[in-house]
Amino acid sequence: MKLLLPKRAYSALVDLAKTILYRPTPTQASPLTCISVHSNGRRVACGTQDGRILLITTSTGKLQLMAKGHEALVSSVRFVGEGSKLVSCSWDGTTRLWALGRTVTETAIMKHDAQTKVLAVTSSSVKGAVGARDGIIKIFSKQNLKCLRNIDAHKTDISGLAFTSDASLLISTSWDGESKLWNTSTNELVRTIEKQKERIRSVAVSPDDSRVFLGLHSGSIVSASLEGNSKPVTLKGHTDMVSSLSVDPSGRYLVSGSWDRSIRVWSLETMSLLCREKLWTALTAHEWGPRGERIYSTHASGALATWDLKWY
């Protein structure tokens, strides 16, 4: 792996080592499309293109449980209820709630008028949000999946949703090129954060809620102030759409994955590239482990990979 470390960044990242944690069997081969890491880091949930949800043990890479119910690609999945439940959404136009035990049991379904693309939940709120291709955001109860409010948010596909740490604000992004900030108490628009001339494909927010990161269709990443008190900064390097973004728990590092078959780590202190790794296939989604020592990524090949970060 080629490391690109500025001289003043040698006290930060020193290595990024890949391990293939899970590979599908020939009879169950399907691209992995999304991921959620349990708060204890012991298992991950991954959605597949053929409508399944896989629960994989992180210590062994073994398939623990499988959920079947969706009739199309699972576009987003999140652990809820302190990890005792899952909520998922799909291109079949449904959001589903699952109870986790010795088996996975579907307990509720919420229907949409369009394919659903992205979910957002947070432990600090009893509510979640799901976005669809018609530009509608549904605010729902995490307990029973009851729809609490419809927000006519964007002109076309909702591509990203992220709550701030206290869940008082919700960030939405869309293929219409806009990112917006919503008050979750009133469900009213606070302001438009950014307007781009191309599709926004992914979003992440810093742990201190100061900045939002937008992954664009062209491969650029835009870092914008959530309060609008500074000019946006653009990070360039990817040559195809940025499919996934996440900030580590310390707020120092941004990881980006792309359909250009690369994963990149950026310093948010210097706003510069620290390292990159070429991949064997497109990266569809990724998420940091709960302690920030590891990244989990899903791939179009159907594999689940881990990336161990080693620091000085």
C-alpha atoms as a PDB file:
ATOM      1  CA  MET A   1       0.000   0.000   0.000  1.00  0.00           C
ATOM      2  CA  LYS A   2       1.218   3.459  -0.896  1.00  0.00           C
ATOM      3  CA  LEU A   3       1.163   5.882   2.034  1.00  0.00           C
ATOM      4  CA  LEU A   4       0.862   9.594   1.410  1.00  0.00           C
ATOM      5  CA  LEU A   5       1.804  11.178   4.706  1.00  0.00           C
ATOM      6  CA  PRO A   6       2.574  14.879   5.111  1.00  0.00           C
ATOM      7  CA  LYS A   7       5.590  15.451   7.355  1.00  0.00           C
ATOM      8  CA  ARG A   8       3.469  16.869  10.183  1.00  0.00           C
ATOM      9  CA  ALA A   9       1.083  13.882  10.068  1.00  0.00           C
ATOM     10  CA  TYR A  10       3.540  11.137  11.018  1.00  0.00           C
ATOM     11  CA  SER A  11       2.030  11.025  14.504  1.00  0.00           C
ATOM     12  CA  ALA A  12      -1.272   9.889  13.031  1.00  0.00           C
ATOM     13  CA  LEU A  13      -1.961   7.028  10.638  1.00  0.00           C
ATOM     14  CA  VAL A  14       0.872   4.606   9.901  1.00  0.00           C
ATOM     15  CA  ASP A  15      -0.808   1.547   8.416  1.00  0.00           C
ATOM     16  CA  LEU A  16      -4.053   0.323   6.879  1.00  0.00           C
ATOM     17  CA  ALA A  17      -4.204  -3.469   6.681  1.00  0.00           C
ATOM     18  CA  LYS A  18      -6.992  -5.340   4.866  1.00  0.00           C
ATOM     19  CA  THR A  19      -8.577  -8.654   5.865  1.00  0.00           C
ATOM     20  CA  ILE A  20     -11.418 -10.388   4.029  1.00  0.00           C
ATOM     21  CA  LEU A  21     -13.756 -11.298   6.871  1.00  0.00           C
ATOM     22  CA  TYR A  22     -16.547 -12.926   4.876  1.00  0.00           C
ATOM     23  CA  ARG A  23     -16.952 -14.331   1.359  1.00  0.00           C
ATOM     24  CA  PRO A  24     -20.287 -15.636   0.049  1.00  0.00           C
ATOM     25  CA  THR A  25     -20.716 -19.236  -0.972  1.00  0.00           C
ATOM     26  CA  PRO A  26     -21.347 -19.872  -4.689  1.00  0.00           C
ATOM     27  CA  THR A  27     -25.027 -20.555  -3.969  1.00  0.00           C
ATOM     28  CA  GLN A  28     -25.448 -17.340  -1.961  1.00  0.00           C
ATOM     29  CA  ALA A  29     -23.288 -14.977  -3.999  1.00  0.00           C
ATOM     30  CA  SER A  30     -24.816 -11.492  -4.241  1.00  0.00           C
ATOM     31  CA  PRO A  31     -23.288  -8.019  -3.980  1.00  0.00           C
ATOM     32  CA  LEU A  32     -23.356  -6.547  -0.465  1.00  0.00           C
ATOM     33  CA  THR A  33     -25.053  -3.165  -0.565  1.00  0.00           C
ATOM     34  CA  CYS A  34     -25.052  -1.673   2.965  1.00  0.00           C
ATOM     35  CA  ILE A  35     -23.710  -2.221   6.477  1.00  0.00           C
ATOM     36  CA  SER A  36     -24.379  -1.521  10.149  1.00  0.00           C
ATOM     37  CA  VAL A  37     -21.927  -2.329  12.948  1.00  0.00           C
ATOM     38  CA  HIS A  38     -23.384  -3.359  16.313  1.00  0.00           C
ATOM     39  CA  SER A  39     -22.505  -1.008  19.182  1.00  0.00           C
ATOM     40  CA  ASN A  40     -20.446  -3.763  20.870  1.00  0.00           C
ATOM     41  CA  GLY A  41     -18.566  -4.488  17.635  1.00  0.00           C
ATOM     42  CA  ARG A  42     -19.261  -8.211  17.826  1.00  0.00           C
ATOM     43  CA  ARG A  43     -21.368  -8.483  14.693  1.00  0.00           C
ATOM     44  CA  VAL A  44     -22.371  -6.586  11.602  1.00  0.00           C
ATOM     45  CA  ALA A  45     -25.515  -6.565   9.513  1.00  0.00           C
ATOM     46  CA  CYS A  46     -25.181  -6.403   5.734  1.00  0.00           C
ATOM     47  CA  GLY A  47     -27.858  -6.043   3.069  1.00  0.00           C
ATOM     48  CA  THR A  48     -27.634  -7.814  -0.267  1.00  0.00           C
ATOM     49  CA  GLN A  49     -28.711  -7.051  -3.801  1.00  0.00           C
ATOM     50  CA  ASP A  50     -31.082 -10.027  -3.807  1.00  0.00           C
ATOM     51  CA  GLY A  51     -33.057  -8.815  -0.760  1.00  0.00           C
ATOM     52  CA  ARG A  52     -31.428 -10.682   2.136  1.00  0.00           C
ATOM     53  CA  ILE A  53     -29.917  -9.352   5.368  1.00  0.00           C
ATOM     54  CA  LEU A  54     -26.854 -11.157   6.715  1.00  0.00           C
ATOM     55  CA  LEU A  55     -25.679 -11.013  10.333  1.00  0.00           C
ATOM     56  CA  ILE A  56     -21.981 -11.858  10.491  1.00  0.00           C
ATOM     57  CA  THR A  57     -19.857 -12.441  13.592  1.00  0.00           C
ATOM     58  CA  THR A  58     -16.817 -10.156  13.496  1.00  0.00           C
ATOM     59  CA  SER A  59     -14.523 -12.482  15.473  1.00  0.00           C
ATOM     60  CA  THR A  60     -14.909 -15.391  13.051  1.00  0.00           C
ATOM     61  CA  GLY A  61     -16.460 -14.007   9.866  1.00  0.00           C
ATOM     62  CA  LYS A  62     -19.168 -16.666  10.066  1.00  0.00           C
ATOM     63  CA  LEU A  63     -22.725 -16.083   8.941  1.00  0.00           C
ATOM     64  CA  GLN A  64     -24.784 -16.123  12.153  1.00  0.00           C
ATOM     65  CA  LEU A  65     -28.310 -15.293  10.990  1.00  0.00           C
ATOM     66  CA  MET A  66     -30.107 -14.450   7.766  1.00  0.00           C
ATOM     67  CA  ALA A  67     -33.297 -12.437   7.281  1.00  0.00           C
ATOM     68  CA  LYS A  68     -35.527 -12.888   4.257  1.00  0.00           C
ATOM     69  CA  GLY A  69     -38.526 -10.741   3.446  1.00  0.00           C
ATOM     70  CA  HIS A  70     -37.508  -7.925   1.129  1.00  0.00           C
ATOM     71  CA  GLU A  71     -38.263  -8.538  -2.536  1.00  0.00           C
ATOM     72  CA  ALA A  72     -35.490  -6.353  -3.967  1.00  0.00           C
ATOM     73  CA  LEU A  73     -32.120  -4.803  -3.123  1.00  0.00           C
ATOM     74  CA  VAL A  74     -31.670  -3.885   0.558  1.00  0.00           C
ATOM     75  CA  SER A  75     -30.466  -0.282   0.375  1.00  0.00           C
ATOM     76  CA  SER A  76     -29.875   0.460   4.072  1.00  0.00           C
ATOM     77  CA  VAL A  77     -29.874  -1.373   7.413  1.00  0.00           C
ATOM     78  CA  ARG A  78     -29.382  -0.132  10.981  1.00  0.00           C
ATOM     79  CA  PHE A  79     -29.252  -1.719  14.443  1.00  0.00           C
ATOM     80  CA  VAL A  80     -31.817  -0.222  16.851  1.00  0.00           C
ATOM     81  CA  GLY A  81     -33.104  -0.970  20.352  1.00  0.00           C
ATOM     82  CA  GLU A  82     -29.553  -1.323  21.754  1.00  0.00           C
ATOM     83  CA  GLY A  83     -28.880  -3.854  19.017  1.00  0.00           C
ATOM     84  CA  SER A  84     -31.834  -6.127  19.767  1.00  0.00           C
ATOM     85  CA  LYS A  85     -33.620  -5.045  16.589  1.00  0.00           C
ATOM     86  CA  LEU A  86     -32.857  -4.136  12.994  1.00  0.00           C
ATOM     87  CA  VAL A  87     -34.568  -1.682  10.690  1.00  0.00           C
ATOM     88  CA  SER A  88     -34.029  -1.998   6.936  1.00  0.00           C
ATOM     89  CA  CYS A  89     -35.261  -0.377   3.749  1.00  0.00           C
ATOM     90  CA  SER A  90     -35.333  -1.663   0.204  1.00  0.00           C
ATOM     91  CA  TRP A  91     -35.961  -0.966  -3.437  1.00  0.00           C
ATOM     92  CA  ASP A  92     -39.179  -2.968  -2.951  1.00  0.00           C
ATOM     93  CA  GLY A  93     -40.655   0.232  -1.452  1.00  0.00           C
ATOM     94  CA  THR A  94     -40.797  -0.954   2.143  1.00  0.00           C
ATOM     95  CA  THR A  95     -39.089  -0.298   5.460  1.00  0.00           C
ATOM     96  CA  ARG A  96     -39.099  -3.285   7.820  1.00  0.00           C
ATOM     97  CA  LEU A  97     -38.468  -3.859  11.522  1.00  0.00           C
ATOM     98  CA  TRP A  98     -36.854  -7.105  12.693  1.00  0.00           C
ATOM     99  CA  ALA A  99     -36.489  -8.647  16.152  1.00  0.00           C
ATOM    100  CA  LEU A 100     -33.169 -10.422  16.733  1.00  0.00           C
ATOM    101  CA  GLY A 101     -32.949 -13.624  18.760  1.00  0.00           C
ATOM    102  CA  ARG A 102     -32.091 -17.158  17.804  1.00  0.00           C
ATOM    103  CA  THR A 103     -33.832 -16.288  14.559  1.00  0.00           C
ATOM    104  CA  VAL A 104     -34.728 -13.009  12.829  1.00  0.00           C
ATOM    105  CA  THR A 105     -38.442 -12.190  13.004  1.00  0.00           C
ATOM    106  CA  GLU A 106     -40.141  -9.483  10.973  1.00  0.00           C
ATOM    107  CA  THR A 107     -42.373  -7.436  13.294  1.00  0.00           C
ATOM    108  CA  ALA A 108     -43.539  -4.418  11.254  1.00  0.00           C
ATOM    109  CA  ILE A 109     -43.647  -3.030   7.700  1.00  0.00           C
ATOM    110  CA  MET A 110     -43.976   0.574   6.518  1.00  0.00           C
ATOM    111  CA  LYS A 111     -44.854   1.065   2.848  1.00  0.00           C
ATOM    112  CA  HIS A 112     -43.676   3.866   0.569  1.00  0.00           C
ATOM    113  CA  ASP A 113     -44.765   5.199  -2.822  1.00  0.00           C
ATOM    114  CA  ALA A 114     -41.258   4.776  -4.267  1.00  0.00           C
ATOM    115  CA  GLN A 115     -38.083   2.759  -3.804  1.00  0.00           C
ATOM    116  CA  THR A 116     -36.451   3.541  -0.457  1.00  0.00           C
ATOM    117  CA  LYS A 117     -32.737   4.303  -0.445  1.00  0.00           C
ATOM    118  CA  VAL A 118     -31.332   5.365   2.924  1.00  0.00           C
ATOM    119  CA  LEU A 119     -31.975   5.195   6.678  1.00  0.00           C
ATOM    120  CA  ALA A 120     -30.782   7.259   9.633  1.00  0.00           C
ATOM    121  CA  VAL A 121     -31.192   6.411  13.316  1.00  0.00           C
ATOM    122  CA  THR A 122     -29.471   7.537  16.495  1.00  0.00           C
ATOM    123  CA  SER A 123     -29.407   6.266  20.063  1.00  0.00           C
ATOM    124  CA  SER A 124     -30.320   9.735  21.337  1.00  0.00           C
ATOM    125  CA  SER A 125     -33.786   9.714  19.748  1.00  0.00           C
ATOM    126  CA  VAL A 126     -36.804   7.417  19.594  1.00  0.00           C
ATOM    127  CA  LYS A 127     -37.308   8.486  15.987  1.00  0.00           C
ATOM    128  CA  GLY A 128     -35.664   7.452  12.740  1.00  0.00           C
ATOM    129  CA  ALA A 129     -35.755   8.743   9.161  1.00  0.00           C
ATOM    130  CA  VAL A 130     -35.963   7.003   5.794  1.00  0.00           C
ATOM    131  CA  GLY A 131     -35.603   8.595   2.355  1.00  0.00           C
ATOM    132  CA  ALA A 132     -37.043   7.473  -0.964  1.00  0.00           C
ATOM    133  CA  ARG A 133     -36.564   8.084  -4.675  1.00  0.00           C
ATOM    134  CA  ASP A 134     -39.557  10.449  -4.809  1.00  0.00           C
ATOM    135  CA  GLY A 135     -37.757  12.937  -2.536  1.00  0.00           C
ATOM    136  CA  ILE A 136     -39.950  12.152   0.476  1.00  0.00           C
ATOM    137  CA  ILE A 137     -38.494  11.608   3.970  1.00  0.00           C
ATOM    138  CA  LYS A 138     -40.601   9.613   6.408  1.00  0.00           C
ATOM    139  CA  ILE A 139     -39.994  10.211  10.123  1.00  0.00           C
ATOM    140  CA  PHE A 140     -40.909   7.049  12.021  1.00  0.00           C
ATOM    141  CA  SER A 141     -40.997   5.512  15.485  1.00  0.00           C
ATOM    142  CA  LYS A 142     -38.120   3.075  16.031  1.00  0.00           C
ATOM    143  CA  GLN A 143     -40.325   1.087  18.412  1.00  0.00           C
ATOM    144  CA  ASN A 144     -43.080   0.087  15.997  1.00  0.00           C
ATOM    145  CA  LEU A 145     -42.191   1.681  12.627  1.00  0.00           C
ATOM    146  CA  LYS A 146     -45.239   3.950  12.745  1.00  0.00           C
ATOM    147  CA  CYS A 147     -44.904   6.876  10.330  1.00  0.00           C
ATOM    148  CA  LEU A 148     -44.968  10.125  12.321  1.00  0.00           C
ATOM    149  CA  ARG A 149     -44.491  12.647   9.534  1.00  0.00           C
ATOM    150  CA  ASN A 150     -43.851  12.913   5.789  1.00  0.00           C
ATOM    151  CA  ILE A 151     -41.439  15.632   4.676  1.00  0.00           C
ATOM    152  CA  ASP A 152     -41.491  16.667   1.003  1.00  0.00           C
ATOM    153  CA  ALA A 153     -37.762  17.352   1.118  1.00  0.00           C
ATOM    154  CA  HIS A 154     -36.220  17.151  -2.366  1.00  0.00           C
ATOM    155  CA  LYS A 155     -37.069  17.087  -6.062  1.00  0.00           C
ATOM    156  CA  THR A 156     -35.701  13.576  -6.600  1.00  0.00           C
ATOM    157  CA  ASP A 157     -33.828  10.677  -4.926  1.00  0.00           C
ATOM    158  CA  ILE A 158     -32.839  11.068  -1.274  1.00  0.00           C
ATOM    159  CA  SER A 159     -29.219   9.843  -1.289  1.00  0.00           C
ATOM    160  CA  GLY A 160     -28.155  10.488   2.305  1.00  0.00           C
ATOM    161  CA  LEU A 161     -29.529  11.129   5.788  1.00  0.00           C
ATOM    162  CA  ALA A 162     -27.622  11.873   9.004  1.00  0.00           C
ATOM    163  CA  PHE A 163     -28.718  13.042  12.450  1.00  0.00           C
ATOM    164  CA  THR A 164     -26.592  15.346  14.566  1.00  0.00           C
ATOM    165  CA  SER A 165     -25.340  13.779  17.805  1.00  0.00           C
ATOM    166  CA  ASP A 166     -28.272  15.023  19.911  1.00  0.00           C
ATOM    167  CA  ALA A 167     -30.791  14.230  17.122  1.00  0.00           C
ATOM    168  CA  SER A 168     -32.051  17.827  17.143  1.00  0.00           C
ATOM    169  CA  LEU A 169     -31.167  18.257  13.475  1.00  0.00           C
ATOM    170  CA  LEU A 170     -31.372  16.012  10.411  1.00  0.00           C
ATOM    171  CA  ILE A 171     -29.213  16.440   7.310  1.00  0.00           C
ATOM    172  CA  SER A 172     -30.585  15.273   3.968  1.00  0.00           C
ATOM    173  CA  THR A 173     -28.867  15.051   0.587  1.00  0.00           C
ATOM    174  CA  SER A 174     -30.261  14.320  -2.835  1.00  0.00           C
ATOM    175  CA  TRP A 175     -29.554  13.675  -6.470  1.00  0.00           C
ATOM    176  CA  ASP A 176     -30.986  17.170  -7.030  1.00  0.00           C
ATOM    177  CA  GLY A 177     -27.605  18.477  -5.789  1.00  0.00           C
ATOM    178  CA  GLU A 178     -28.896  19.996  -2.571  1.00  0.00           C
ATOM    179  CA  SER A 179     -28.114  19.241   1.061  1.00  0.00           C
ATOM    180  CA  LYS A 180     -30.592  20.509   3.634  1.00  0.00           C
ATOM    181  CA  LEU A 181     -30.819  20.886   7.395  1.00  0.00           C
ATOM    182  CA  TRP A 182     -34.090  20.059   9.199  1.00  0.00           C
ATOM    183  CA  ASN A 183     -35.330  20.735  12.733  1.00  0.00           C
ATOM    184  CA  THR A 184     -36.458  17.326  14.061  1.00  0.00           C
ATOM    185  CA  SER A 185     -38.859  18.827  16.609  1.00  0.00           C
ATOM    186  CA  THR A 186     -40.843  20.859  14.078  1.00  0.00           C
ATOM    187  CA  ASN A 187     -39.802  18.956  10.899  1.00  0.00           C
ATOM    188  CA  GLU A 188     -39.229  22.365   9.308  1.00  0.00           C
ATOM    189  CA  LEU A 189     -36.351  23.374   7.052  1.00  0.00           C
ATOM    190  CA  VAL A 190     -33.616  25.276   8.901  1.00  0.00           C
ATOM    191  CA  ARG A 191     -31.584  26.094   5.801  1.00  0.00           C
ATOM    192  CA  THR A 192     -30.039  24.720   2.642  1.00  0.00           C
ATOM    193  CA  ILE A 193     -26.442  23.785   3.458  1.00  0.00           C
ATOM    194  CA  GLU A 194     -25.052  23.398  -0.066  1.00  0.00           C
ATOM    195  CA  LYS A 195     -26.179  23.447  -3.685  1.00  0.00           C
ATOM    196  CA  GLN A 196     -24.113  21.381  -6.107  1.00  0.00           C
ATOM    197  CA  LYS A 197     -24.373  21.128  -9.891  1.00  0.00           C
ATOM    198  CA  GLU A 198     -24.247  17.335  -9.724  1.00  0.00           C
ATOM    199  CA  ARG A 199     -25.718  14.467  -7.757  1.00  0.00           C
ATOM    200  CA  ILE A 200     -24.770  14.082  -4.113  1.00  0.00           C
ATOM    201  CA  ARG A 201     -24.268  10.366  -3.477  1.00  0.00           C
ATOM    202  CA  SER A 202     -23.275  10.102   0.212  1.00  0.00           C
ATOM    203  CA  VAL A 203     -23.074  12.107   3.443  1.00  0.00           C
ATOM    204  CA  ALA A 204     -21.358  12.067   6.850  1.00  0.00           C
ATOM    205  CA  VAL A 205     -21.322  14.478   9.782  1.00  0.00           C
ATOM    206  CA  SER A 206     -18.460  15.131  12.202  1.00  0.00           C
ATOM    207  CA  PRO A 207     -18.893  13.910  15.805  1.00  0.00           C
ATOM    208  CA  ASP A 208     -18.897  17.493  17.116  1.00  0.00           C
ATOM    209  CA  ASP A 209     -21.627  18.439  14.592  1.00  0.00           C
ATOM    210  CA  SER A 210     -19.503  21.243  13.149  1.00  0.00           C
ATOM    211  CA  ARG A 211     -19.096  19.957   9.594  1.00  0.00           C
ATOM    212  CA  VAL A 212     -20.928  17.876   7.011  1.00  0.00           C
ATOM    213  CA  PHE A 213     -19.168  15.930   4.247  1.00  0.00           C
ATOM    214  CA  LEU A 214     -20.793  15.375   0.869  1.00  0.00           C
ATOM    215  CA  GLY A 215     -19.668  12.687  -1.579  1.00  0.00           C
ATOM    216  CA  LEU A 216     -20.329  13.737  -5.171  1.00  0.00           C
ATOM    217  CA  HIS A 217     -21.056  11.777  -8.332  1.00  0.00           C
ATOM    218  CA  SER A 218     -17.829  13.015  -9.950  1.00  0.00           C
ATOM    219  CA  GLY A 219     -15.638  11.731  -7.109  1.00  0.00           C
ATOM    220  CA  SER A 220     -15.084  14.998  -5.238  1.00  0.00           C
ATOM    221  CA  ILE A 221     -15.837  15.432  -1.520  1.00  0.00           C
ATOM    222  CA  VAL A 222     -17.167  18.738  -0.200  1.00  0.00           C
ATOM    223  CA  SER A 223     -16.648  19.696   3.449  1.00  0.00           C
ATOM    224  CA  ALA A 224     -19.139  22.359   4.553  1.00  0.00           C
ATOM    225  CA  SER A 225     -19.838  24.126   7.836  1.00  0.00           C
ATOM    226  CA  LEU A 226     -23.106  23.005   9.395  1.00  0.00           C
ATOM    227  CA  GLU A 227     -23.654  26.552  10.700  1.00  0.00           C
ATOM    228  CA  GLY A 228     -22.701  28.151   7.399  1.00  0.00           C
ATOM    229  CA  ASN A 229     -19.984  30.307   8.951  1.00  0.00           C
ATOM    230  CA  SER A 230     -17.106  29.276   6.655  1.00  0.00           C
ATOM    231  CA  LYS A 231     -16.487  28.511   3.011  1.00  0.00           C
ATOM    232  CA  PRO A 232     -16.708  24.876   1.857  1.00  0.00           C
ATOM    233  CA  VAL A 233     -13.519  22.938   1.116  1.00  0.00           C
ATOM    234  CA  THR A 234     -13.268  20.394  -1.706  1.00  0.00           C
ATOM    235  CA  LEU A 235     -11.164  17.230  -1.482  1.00  0.00           C
ATOM    236  CA  LYS A 236     -10.236  15.665  -4.807  1.00  0.00           C
ATOM    237  CA  GLY A 237      -8.768  12.269  -5.619  1.00  0.00           C
ATOM    238  CA  HIS A 238     -11.505   9.795  -6.458  1.00  0.00           C
ATOM    239  CA  THR A 239     -12.278   9.363 -10.155  1.00  0.00           C
ATOM    240  CA  ASP A 240     -15.785   7.930  -9.796  1.00  0.00           C
ATOM    241  CA  MET A 241     -18.737   8.512  -7.480  1.00  0.00           C
ATOM    242  CA  VAL A 242     -18.116   8.562  -3.730  1.00  0.00           C
ATOM    243  CA  SER A 243     -20.432   5.791  -2.546  1.00  0.00           C
ATOM    244  CA  SER A 244     -19.686   5.987   1.190  1.00  0.00           C
ATOM    245  CA  LEU A 245     -18.301   8.436   3.764  1.00  0.00           C
ATOM    246  CA  SER A 246     -17.652   8.195   7.506  1.00  0.00           C
ATOM    247  CA  VAL A 247     -15.770  10.124  10.189  1.00  0.00           C
ATOM    248  CA  ASP A 248     -13.935   8.254  12.958  1.00  0.00           C
ATOM    249  CA  PRO A 249     -15.190   8.672  16.563  1.00  0.00           C
ATOM    250  CA  SER A 250     -12.345  11.082  17.412  1.00  0.00           C
ATOM    251  CA  GLY A 251     -13.321  13.403  14.554  1.00  0.00           C
ATOM    252  CA  ARG A 252      -9.781  13.459  13.125  1.00  0.00           C
ATOM    253  CA  TYR A 253     -10.142  11.237  10.068  1.00  0.00           C
ATOM    254  CA  LEU A 254     -12.530  10.920   7.155  1.00  0.00           C
ATOM    255  CA  VAL A 255     -12.761   7.679   5.183  1.00  0.00           C
ATOM    256  CA  SER A 256     -14.204   7.608   1.680  1.00  0.00           C
ATOM    257  CA  GLY A 257     -15.076   4.666  -0.542  1.00  0.00           C
ATOM    258  CA  SER A 258     -15.747   4.869  -4.239  1.00  0.00           C
ATOM    259  CA  TRP A 259     -16.777   3.025  -7.347  1.00  0.00           C
ATOM    260  CA  ASP A 260     -13.290   3.829  -8.639  1.00  0.00           C
ATOM    261  CA  ARG A 261     -12.248   0.780  -6.572  1.00  0.00           C
ATOM    262  CA  SER A 262     -10.374   2.639  -3.882  1.00  0.00           C
ATOM    263  CA  ILE A 263     -10.677   3.476  -0.205  1.00  0.00           C
ATOM    264  CA  ARG A 264      -9.039   6.663   1.075  1.00  0.00           C
ATOM    265  CA  VAL A 265      -8.260   8.133   4.493  1.00  0.00           C
ATOM    266  CA  TRP A 266      -8.114  11.924   4.876  1.00  0.00           C
ATOM    267  CA  SER A 267      -6.783  14.076   7.719  1.00  0.00           C
ATOM    268  CA  LEU A 268      -9.429  16.556   8.834  1.00  0.00           C
ATOM    269  CA  GLU A 269      -6.752  18.592  10.594  1.00  0.00           C
ATOM    270  CA  THR A 270      -4.814  19.278   7.401  1.00  0.00           C
ATOM    271  CA  MET A 271      -7.632  18.508   4.909  1.00  0.00           C
ATOM    272  CA  SER A 272      -5.217  16.274   3.023  1.00  0.00           C
ATOM    273  CA  LEU A 273      -4.966  12.670   1.866  1.00  0.00           C
ATOM    274  CA  LEU A 274      -3.145  10.365   4.290  1.00  0.00           C
ATOM    275  CA  CYS A 275      -3.358   7.055   2.458  1.00  0.00           C
ATOM    276  CA  ARG A 276      -5.210   5.135  -0.227  1.00  0.00           C
ATOM    277  CA  GLU A 277      -5.725   1.508  -1.089  1.00  0.00           C
ATOM    278  CA  LYS A 278      -6.795   0.102  -4.433  1.00  0.00           C
ATOM    279  CA  LEU A 279      -9.587  -2.454  -4.236  1.00  0.00           C
ATOM    280  CA  TRP A 280     -10.505  -5.526  -6.262  1.00  0.00           C
ATOM    281  CA  THR A 281     -14.080  -4.321  -6.725  1.00  0.00           C
ATOM    282  CA  ALA A 282     -16.311  -1.328  -6.032  1.00  0.00           C
ATOM    283  CA  LEU A 283     -16.848  -0.384  -2.380  1.00  0.00           C
ATOM    284  CA  THR A 284     -20.588  -0.056  -1.717  1.00  0.00           C
ATOM    285  CA  ALA A 285     -20.621   0.963   1.965  1.00  0.00           C
ATOM    286  CA  HIS A 286     -18.408   1.171   5.049  1.00  0.00           C
ATOM    287  CA  GLU A 287     -18.576   2.019   8.739  1.00  0.00           C
ATOM    288  CA  TRP A 288     -16.136   2.512  11.607  1.00  0.00           C
ATOM    289  CA  GLY A 289     -16.073   0.063  14.481  1.00  0.00           C
ATOM    290  CA  PRO A 290     -17.326   1.453  17.821  1.00  0.00           C
ATOM    291  CA  ARG A 291     -13.812   2.206  19.147  1.00  0.00           C
ATOM    292  CA  GLY A 292     -12.500   3.655  15.903  1.00  0.00           C
ATOM    293  CA  GLU A 293      -9.732   1.083  15.527  1.00  0.00           C
ATOM    294  CA  ARG A 294     -11.217  -0.673  12.506  1.00  0.00           C
ATOM    295  CA  ILE A 295     -13.269  -0.048   9.387  1.00  0.00           C
ATOM    296  CA  TYR A 296     -15.755  -2.538   7.948  1.00  0.00           C
ATOM    297  CA  SER A 297     -16.578  -2.349   4.238  1.00  0.00           C
ATOM    298  CA  THR A 298     -19.006  -4.102   1.887  1.00  0.00           C
ATOM    299  CA  HIS A 299     -18.253  -4.769  -1.757  1.00  0.00           C
ATOM    300  CA  ALA A 300     -19.904  -5.499  -5.087  1.00  0.00           C
ATOM    301  CA  SER A 301     -18.161  -8.892  -5.065  1.00  0.00           C
ATOM    302  CA  GLY A 302     -20.270  -9.935  -2.052  1.00  0.00           C
ATOM    303  CA  ALA A 303     -17.297  -9.805   0.337  1.00  0.00           C
ATOM    304  CA  LEU A 304     -17.068  -8.102   3.729  1.00  0.00           C
ATOM    305  CA  ALA A 305     -13.624  -6.635   4.495  1.00  0.00           C
ATOM    306  CA  THR A 306     -12.028  -5.134   7.580  1.00  0.00           C
ATOM    307  CA  TRP A 307      -9.325  -2.496   7.622  1.00  0.00           C
ATOM    308  CA  ASP A 308      -7.167  -2.308  10.728  1.00  0.00           C
ATOM    309  CA  LEU A 309      -5.766   1.120  11.501  1.00  0.00           C
ATOM    310  CA  LYS A 310      -2.508   1.290  13.453  1.00  0.00           C
ATOM    311  CA  TRP A 311      -1.361   4.518  15.066  1.00  0.00           C
ATOM    312  CA  TYR A 312       1.802   5.910  16.654  1.00  0.00           C
END
